[in-house]
């Protein structure tokens, strides 16, 4: 578990998750996919799930940027 936490990069995870959530929010990709699968009735509820997921991943990006070590060029 400790090794996973050391390798976990919240910035990369947040960017990938935010891009996927944004694609599903702002394009009809998920609506078409659900329609093909016969679950088109669920498209009315997508906003209740996708917008919070998008905001969670945006928060993860913010955390990743905050946690990044700062590079000081004056130190050698």
PDB file of N, CA and C in Angstrom:
ATOM      1  N   UNK A   1       0.830  -1.193   0.000  1.00  0.00           N
ATOM      2  CA  UNK A   1       0.000   0.000   0.000  1.00  0.00           C
ATOM      3  C   UNK A   1       0.874   1.255   0.000  1.00  0.00           C
ATOM      4  N   UNK A   2       1.961   1.217   0.771  1.00  0.00           N
ATOM      5  CA  UNK A   2       2.860   2.356   0.850  1.00  0.00           C
ATOM      6  C   UNK A   2       3.503   2.632  -0.501  1.00  0.00           C
ATOM      7  N   UNK A   3       3.851   1.558  -1.232  1.00  0.00           N
ATOM      8  CA  UNK A   3       4.458   1.725  -2.552  1.00  0.00           C
ATOM      9  C   UNK A   3       3.471   2.374  -3.519  1.00  0.00           C
ATOM     10  N   UNK A   4       2.211   1.984  -3.440  1.00  0.00           N
ATOM     11  CA  UNK A   4       1.184   2.579  -4.293  1.00  0.00           C
ATOM     12  C   UNK A   4       1.038   4.073  -4.012  1.00  0.00           C
ATOM     13  N   UNK A   5       1.031   4.444  -2.750  1.00  0.00           N
ATOM     14  CA  UNK A   5       0.878   5.845  -2.402  1.00  0.00           C
ATOM     15  C   UNK A   5       2.084   6.680  -2.835  1.00  0.00           C
ATOM     16  N   UNK A   6       3.262   6.076  -2.868  1.00  0.00           N
ATOM     17  CA  UNK A   6       4.440   6.800  -3.326  1.00  0.00           C
ATOM     18  C   UNK A   6       4.409   7.010  -4.833  1.00  0.00           C
ATOM     19  N   UNK A   7       3.856   6.050  -5.584  1.00  0.00           N
ATOM     20  CA  UNK A   7       3.798   6.149  -7.041  1.00  0.00           C
ATOM     21  C   UNK A   7       2.553   6.886  -7.524  1.00  0.00           C
ATOM     22  N   UNK A   8       1.559   7.083  -6.672  1.00  0.00           N
ATOM     23  CA  UNK A   8       0.304   7.722  -7.064  1.00  0.00           C
ATOM     24  C   UNK A   8       0.553   9.179  -7.424  1.00  0.00           C
ATOM     25  N   UNK A   9       0.145   9.552  -8.617  1.00  0.00           N
ATOM     26  CA  UNK A   9       0.321  10.919  -9.080  1.00  0.00           C
ATOM     27  C   UNK A   9      -1.066  11.543  -9.259  1.00  0.00           C
ATOM     28  N   UNK A  10      -1.517  12.357  -8.315  1.00  0.00           N
ATOM     29  CA  UNK A  10      -2.866  12.914  -8.414  1.00  0.00           C
ATOM     30  C   UNK A  10      -3.031  13.861  -9.597  1.00  0.00           C
ATOM     31  N   UNK A  11      -1.954  14.467 -10.047  1.00  0.00           N
ATOM     32  CA  UNK A  11      -2.058  15.389 -11.176  1.00  0.00           C
ATOM     33  C   UNK A  11      -2.407  14.634 -12.454  1.00  0.00           C
ATOM     34  N   UNK A  12      -1.707  13.541 -12.742  1.00  0.00           N
ATOM     35  CA  UNK A  12      -2.007  12.753 -13.941  1.00  0.00           C
ATOM     36  C   UNK A  12      -3.389  12.125 -13.855  1.00  0.00           C
ATOM     37  N   UNK A  13      -3.717  11.581 -12.700  1.00  0.00           N
ATOM     38  CA  UNK A  13      -5.028  10.966 -12.517  1.00  0.00           C
ATOM     39  C   UNK A  13      -6.137  11.991 -12.683  1.00  0.00           C
ATOM     40  N   UNK A  14      -5.947  13.167 -12.123  1.00  0.00           N
ATOM     41  CA  UNK A  14      -6.944  14.222 -12.236  1.00  0.00           C
ATOM     42  C   UNK A  14      -7.136  14.696 -13.655  1.00  0.00           C
ATOM     43  N   UNK A  15      -6.038  14.837 -14.401  1.00  0.00           N
ATOM     44  CA  UNK A  15      -6.146  15.308 -15.782  1.00  0.00           C
ATOM     45  C   UNK A  15      -6.871  14.285 -16.642  1.00  0.00           C
ATOM     46  N   UNK A  16      -6.492  13.020 -16.533  1.00  0.00           N
ATOM     47  CA  UNK A  16      -7.150  11.979 -17.323  1.00  0.00           C
ATOM     48  C   UNK A  16      -8.627  11.873 -16.952  1.00  0.00           C
ATOM     49  N   UNK A  17      -8.929  11.867 -15.679  1.00  0.00           N
ATOM     50  CA  UNK A  17     -10.323  11.770 -15.244  1.00  0.00           C
ATOM     51  C   UNK A  17     -11.144  12.972 -15.654  1.00  0.00           C
ATOM     52  N   UNK A  18     -10.577  14.161 -15.559  1.00  0.00           N
ATOM     53  CA  UNK A  18     -11.304  15.370 -15.945  1.00  0.00           C
ATOM     54  C   UNK A  18     -11.580  15.397 -17.444  1.00  0.00           C
ATOM     55  N   UNK A  19     -10.618  14.953 -18.236  1.00  0.00           N
ATOM     56  CA  UNK A  19     -10.831  14.908 -19.691  1.00  0.00           C
ATOM     57  C   UNK A  19     -11.932  13.919 -20.041  1.00  0.00           C
ATOM     58  N   UNK A  20     -11.909  12.757 -19.425  1.00  0.00           N
ATOM     59  CA  UNK A  20     -12.947  11.760 -19.702  1.00  0.00           C
ATOM     60  C   UNK A  20     -14.308  12.253 -19.242  1.00  0.00           C
ATOM     61  N   UNK A  21     -14.381  12.827 -18.054  1.00  0.00           N
ATOM     62  CA  UNK A  21     -15.658  13.342 -17.556  1.00  0.00           C
ATOM     63  C   UNK A  21     -16.154  14.500 -18.414  1.00  0.00           C
ATOM     64  N   UNK A  22     -15.253  15.366 -18.867  1.00  0.00           N
ATOM     65  CA  UNK A  22     -15.654  16.483 -19.718  1.00  0.00           C
ATOM     66  C   UNK A  22     -16.162  15.983 -21.064  1.00  0.00           C
ATOM     67  N   UNK A  23     -15.510  14.981 -21.622  1.00  0.00           N
ATOM     68  CA  UNK A  23     -15.982  14.415 -22.879  1.00  0.00           C
ATOM     69  C   UNK A  23     -17.383  13.834 -22.735  1.00  0.00           C
ATOM     70  N   UNK A  24     -17.618  13.183 -21.627  1.00  0.00           N
ATOM     71  CA  UNK A  24     -18.937  12.594 -21.406  1.00  0.00           C
ATOM     72  C   UNK A  24     -19.988  13.661 -21.086  1.00  0.00           C
ATOM     73  N   UNK A  25     -19.579  14.771 -20.477  1.00  0.00           N
ATOM     74  CA  UNK A  25     -20.524  15.832 -20.135  1.00  0.00           C
ATOM     75  C   UNK A  25     -20.919  16.666 -21.349  1.00  0.00           C
ATOM     76  N   UNK A  26     -19.940  17.029 -22.133  1.00  0.00           N
ATOM     77  CA  UNK A  26     -20.161  18.040 -23.159  1.00  0.00           C
ATOM     78  C   UNK A  26     -20.284  17.481 -24.567  1.00  0.00           C
ATOM     79  N   UNK A  27     -20.163  16.197 -24.749  1.00  0.00           N
ATOM     80  CA  UNK A  27     -20.389  15.566 -26.047  1.00  0.00           C
ATOM     81  C   UNK A  27     -21.383  14.434 -25.856  1.00  0.00           C
ATOM     82  N   UNK A  28     -22.028  14.020 -26.911  1.00  0.00           N
ATOM     83  CA  UNK A  28     -23.036  12.955 -26.766  1.00  0.00           C
ATOM     84  C   UNK A  28     -22.455  11.542 -26.748  1.00  0.00           C
ATOM     85  N   UNK A  29     -21.181  11.408 -26.409  1.00  0.00           N
ATOM     86  CA  UNK A  29     -20.553  10.078 -26.433  1.00  0.00           C
ATOM     87  C   UNK A  29     -21.280   9.100 -25.511  1.00  0.00           C
ATOM     88  N   UNK A  30     -21.491   9.490 -24.286  1.00  0.00           N
ATOM     89  CA  UNK A  30     -22.113   8.589 -23.314  1.00  0.00           C
ATOM     90  C   UNK A  30     -23.589   8.353 -23.641  1.00  0.00           C
ATOM     91  N   UNK A  31     -24.282   9.375 -24.139  1.00  0.00           N
ATOM     92  CA  UNK A  31     -25.689   9.209 -24.498  1.00  0.00           C
ATOM     93  C   UNK A  31     -25.838   8.223 -25.647  1.00  0.00           C
ATOM     94  N   UNK A  32     -24.972   8.312 -26.635  1.00  0.00           N
ATOM     95  CA  UNK A  32     -25.019   7.374 -27.761  1.00  0.00           C
ATOM     96  C   UNK A  32     -24.672   5.970 -27.286  1.00  0.00           C
ATOM     97  N   UNK A  33     -23.660   5.842 -26.460  1.00  0.00           N
ATOM     98  CA  UNK A  33     -23.268   4.532 -25.950  1.00  0.00           C
ATOM     99  C   UNK A  33     -24.389   3.882 -25.143  1.00  0.00           C
ATOM    100  N   UNK A  34     -25.029   4.658 -24.283  1.00  0.00           N
ATOM    101  CA  UNK A  34     -26.144   4.107 -23.500  1.00  0.00           C
ATOM    102  C   UNK A  34     -27.318   3.748 -24.411  1.00  0.00           C
ATOM    103  N   UNK A  35     -27.554   4.550 -25.453  1.00  0.00           N
ATOM    104  CA  UNK A  35     -28.628   4.230 -26.394  1.00  0.00           C
ATOM    105  C   UNK A  35     -28.358   2.940 -27.142  1.00  0.00           C
ATOM    106  N   UNK A  36     -27.121   2.716 -27.522  1.00  0.00           N
ATOM    107  CA  UNK A  36     -26.754   1.483 -28.220  1.00  0.00           C
ATOM    108  C   UNK A  36     -26.936   0.280 -27.300  1.00  0.00           C
ATOM    109  N   UNK A  37     -26.626   0.452 -26.035  1.00  0.00           N
ATOM    110  CA  UNK A  37     -26.756  -0.641 -25.064  1.00  0.00           C
ATOM    111  C   UNK A  37     -28.192  -0.848 -24.588  1.00  0.00           C
ATOM    112  N   UNK A  38     -29.096   0.008 -25.033  1.00  0.00           N
ATOM    113  CA  UNK A  38     -30.490  -0.121 -24.616  1.00  0.00           C
ATOM    114  C   UNK A  38     -30.777   0.518 -23.276  1.00  0.00           C
ATOM    115  N   UNK A  39     -29.889   1.374 -22.817  1.00  0.00           N
ATOM    116  CA  UNK A  39     -30.064   2.033 -21.528  1.00  0.00           C
ATOM    117  C   UNK A  39     -30.265   3.532 -21.707  1.00  0.00           C
ATOM    118  N   UNK A  40     -30.906   3.917 -22.800  1.00  0.00           N
ATOM    119  CA  UNK A  40     -31.101   5.330 -23.110  1.00  0.00           C
ATOM    120  C   UNK A  40     -31.927   6.067 -22.073  1.00  0.00           C
ATOM    121  N   UNK A  41     -32.727   5.362 -21.297  1.00  0.00           N
ATOM    122  CA  UNK A  41     -33.525   6.001 -20.257  1.00  0.00           C
ATOM    123  C   UNK A  41     -32.691   6.587 -19.126  1.00  0.00           C
ATOM    124  N   UNK A  42     -31.462   6.163 -19.015  1.00  0.00           N
ATOM    125  CA  UNK A  42     -30.586   6.665 -17.949  1.00  0.00           C
ATOM    126  C   UNK A  42     -29.923   7.992 -18.305  1.00  0.00           C
ATOM    127  N   UNK A  43     -30.048   8.432 -19.558  1.00  0.00           N
ATOM    128  CA  UNK A  43     -29.349   9.651 -19.968  1.00  0.00           C
ATOM    129  C   UNK A  43     -29.850  10.884 -19.228  1.00  0.00           C
ATOM    130  N   UNK A  44     -31.058  10.869 -18.739  1.00  0.00           N
ATOM    131  CA  UNK A  44     -31.568  12.009 -17.982  1.00  0.00           C
ATOM    132  C   UNK A  44     -30.887  12.193 -16.638  1.00  0.00           C
ATOM    133  N   UNK A  45     -30.271  11.143 -16.142  1.00  0.00           N
ATOM    134  CA  UNK A  45     -29.624  11.199 -14.832  1.00  0.00           C
ATOM    135  C   UNK A  45     -28.114  11.397 -14.919  1.00  0.00           C
ATOM    136  N   UNK A  46     -27.582  11.515 -16.123  1.00  0.00           N
ATOM    137  CA  UNK A  46     -26.127  11.616 -16.271  1.00  0.00           C
ATOM    138  C   UNK A  46     -25.553  12.868 -15.625  1.00  0.00           C
ATOM    139  N   UNK A  47     -26.278  13.981 -15.700  1.00  0.00           N
ATOM    140  CA  UNK A  47     -25.763  15.221 -15.121  1.00  0.00           C
ATOM    141  C   UNK A  47     -25.605  15.126 -13.609  1.00  0.00           C
ATOM    142  N   UNK A  48     -26.431  14.320 -12.966  1.00  0.00           N
ATOM    143  CA  UNK A  48     -26.335  14.169 -11.520  1.00  0.00           C
ATOM    144  C   UNK A  48     -25.067  13.423 -11.107  1.00  0.00           C
ATOM    145  N   UNK A  49     -24.490  12.689 -12.041  1.00  0.00           N
ATOM    146  CA  UNK A  49     -23.280  11.918 -11.747  1.00  0.00           C
ATOM    147  C   UNK A  49     -22.048  12.576 -12.351  1.00  0.00           C
ATOM    148  N   UNK A  50     -22.148  13.019 -13.601  1.00  0.00           N
ATOM    149  CA  UNK A  50     -20.960  13.475 -14.318  1.00  0.00           C
ATOM    150  C   UNK A  50     -20.416  14.807 -13.812  1.00  0.00           C
ATOM    151  N   UNK A  51     -21.278  15.745 -13.471  1.00  0.00           N
ATOM    152  CA  UNK A  51     -20.769  17.028 -12.981  1.00  0.00           C
ATOM    153  C   UNK A  51     -20.042  16.897 -11.641  1.00  0.00           C
ATOM    154  N   UNK A  52     -20.558  16.151 -10.675  1.00  0.00           N
ATOM    155  CA  UNK A  52     -19.772  15.957  -9.444  1.00  0.00           C
ATOM    156  C   UNK A  52     -18.452  15.223  -9.695  1.00  0.00           C
ATOM    157  N   UNK A  53     -18.463  14.243 -10.604  1.00  0.00           N
ATOM    158  CA  UNK A  53     -17.227  13.527 -10.926  1.00  0.00           C
ATOM    159  C   UNK A  53     -16.219  14.489 -11.555  1.00  0.00           C
ATOM    160  N   UNK A  54     -16.694  15.357 -12.443  1.00  0.00           N
ATOM    161  CA  UNK A  54     -15.818  16.343 -13.067  1.00  0.00           C
ATOM    162  C   UNK A  54     -15.201  17.260 -12.013  1.00  0.00           C
ATOM    163  N   UNK A  55     -15.997  17.725 -11.072  1.00  0.00           N
ATOM    164  CA  UNK A  55     -15.482  18.617 -10.034  1.00  0.00           C
ATOM    165  C   UNK A  55     -14.516  17.894  -9.093  1.00  0.00           C
ATOM    166  N   UNK A  56     -14.755  16.618  -8.842  1.00  0.00           N
ATOM    167  CA  UNK A  56     -13.829  15.839  -8.012  1.00  0.00           C
ATOM    168  C   UNK A  56     -12.478  15.731  -8.700  1.00  0.00           C
ATOM    169  N   UNK A  57     -12.480  15.450 -10.001  1.00  0.00           N
ATOM    170  CA  UNK A  57     -11.210  15.343 -10.719  1.00  0.00           C
ATOM    171  C   UNK A  57     -10.526  16.697 -10.856  1.00  0.00           C
ATOM    172  N   UNK A  58     -11.276  17.768 -10.988  1.00  0.00           N
ATOM    173  CA  UNK A  58     -10.665  19.098 -11.010  1.00  0.00           C
ATOM    174  C   UNK A  58     -10.022  19.418  -9.659  1.00  0.00           C
ATOM    175  N   UNK A  59     -10.665  18.980  -8.584  1.00  0.00           N
ATOM    176  CA  UNK A  59     -10.066  19.130  -7.257  1.00  0.00           C
ATOM    177  C   UNK A  59      -8.804  18.299  -7.112  1.00  0.00           C
ATOM    178  N   UNK A  60      -8.785  17.124  -7.730  1.00  0.00           N
ATOM    179  CA  UNK A  60      -7.597  16.277  -7.688  1.00  0.00           C
ATOM    180  C   UNK A  60      -6.444  16.931  -8.456  1.00  0.00           C
ATOM    181  N   UNK A  61      -6.762  17.608  -9.559  1.00  0.00           N
ATOM    182  CA  UNK A  61      -5.741  18.352 -10.296  1.00  0.00           C
ATOM    183  C   UNK A  61      -5.183  19.471  -9.421  1.00  0.00           C
ATOM    184  N   UNK A  62      -6.065  20.194  -8.750  1.00  0.00           N
ATOM    185  CA  UNK A  62      -5.622  21.280  -7.873  1.00  0.00           C
ATOM    186  C   UNK A  62      -4.725  20.748  -6.762  1.00  0.00           C
ATOM    187  N   UNK A  63      -5.109  19.642  -6.172  1.00  0.00           N
ATOM    188  CA  UNK A  63      -4.296  19.022  -5.126  1.00  0.00           C
ATOM    189  C   UNK A  63      -2.943  18.590  -5.678  1.00  0.00           C
ATOM    190  N   UNK A  64      -2.940  18.007  -6.888  1.00  0.00           N
ATOM    191  CA  UNK A  64      -1.692  17.572  -7.499  1.00  0.00           C
ATOM    192  C   UNK A  64      -0.765  18.734  -7.797  1.00  0.00           C
ATOM    193  N   UNK A  65      -1.324  19.854  -8.243  1.00  0.00           N
ATOM    194  CA  UNK A  65      -0.496  21.028  -8.497  1.00  0.00           C
ATOM    195  C   UNK A  65       0.040  21.615  -7.193  1.00  0.00           C
ATOM    196  N   UNK A  66      -0.775  21.584  -6.151  1.00  0.00           N
ATOM    197  CA  UNK A  66      -0.365  22.104  -4.841  1.00  0.00           C
ATOM    198  C   UNK A  66       0.747  21.244  -4.239  1.00  0.00           C
ATOM    199  N   UNK A  67       0.653  19.947  -4.449  1.00  0.00           N
ATOM    200  CA  UNK A  67       1.582  19.005  -3.840  1.00  0.00           C
ATOM    201  C   UNK A  67       2.894  18.873  -4.606  1.00  0.00           C
ATOM    202  N   UNK A  68       2.932  19.353  -5.843  1.00  0.00           N
ATOM    203  CA  UNK A  68       4.151  19.245  -6.636  1.00  0.00           C
ATOM    204  C   UNK A  68       5.293  19.967  -5.958  1.00  0.00           C
ATOM    205  N   UNK A  69       6.456  19.370  -5.959  1.00  0.00           N
ATOM    206  CA  UNK A  69       7.591  20.059  -5.355  1.00  0.00           C
ATOM    207  C   UNK A  69       7.997  21.258  -6.219  1.00  0.00           C
ATOM    208  N   UNK A  70       8.298  22.361  -5.562  1.00  0.00           N
ATOM    209  CA  UNK A  70       8.700  23.531  -6.319  1.00  0.00           C
ATOM    210  C   UNK A  70      10.182  23.415  -6.669  1.00  0.00           C
ATOM    211  N   UNK A  71      10.507  23.872  -7.854  1.00  0.00           N
ATOM    212  CA  UNK A  71      11.888  23.808  -8.328  1.00  0.00           C
ATOM    213  C   UNK A  71      12.501  25.197  -8.140  1.00  0.00           C
ATOM    214  N   UNK A  72      13.565  25.238  -7.387  1.00  0.00           N
ATOM    215  CA  UNK A  72      14.258  26.483  -7.121  1.00  0.00           C
ATOM    216  C   UNK A  72      15.564  26.499  -7.921  1.00  0.00           C
ATOM    217  N   UNK A  73      15.659  27.281  -8.997  1.00  0.00           N
ATOM    218  CA  UNK A  73      16.852  27.222  -9.848  1.00  0.00           C
ATOM    219  C   UNK A  73      18.104  27.798  -9.182  1.00  0.00           C
ATOM    220  N   UNK A  74      17.978  28.538  -8.091  1.00  0.00           N
ATOM    221  CA  UNK A  74      19.154  29.122  -7.444  1.00  0.00           C
ATOM    222  C   UNK A  74      19.909  28.093  -6.609  1.00  0.00           C
ATOM    223  N   UNK A  75      19.235  27.020  -6.197  1.00  0.00           N
ATOM    224  CA  UNK A  75      19.906  26.001  -5.398  1.00  0.00           C
ATOM    225  C   UNK A  75      20.560  24.979  -6.330  1.00  0.00           C
ATOM    226  N   UNK A  76      21.773  24.558  -5.961  1.00  0.00           N
ATOM    227  CA  UNK A  76      22.464  23.541  -6.753  1.00  0.00           C
ATOM    228  C   UNK A  76      22.785  22.344  -5.921  1.00  0.00           C
TER     229      UNK A  76
END
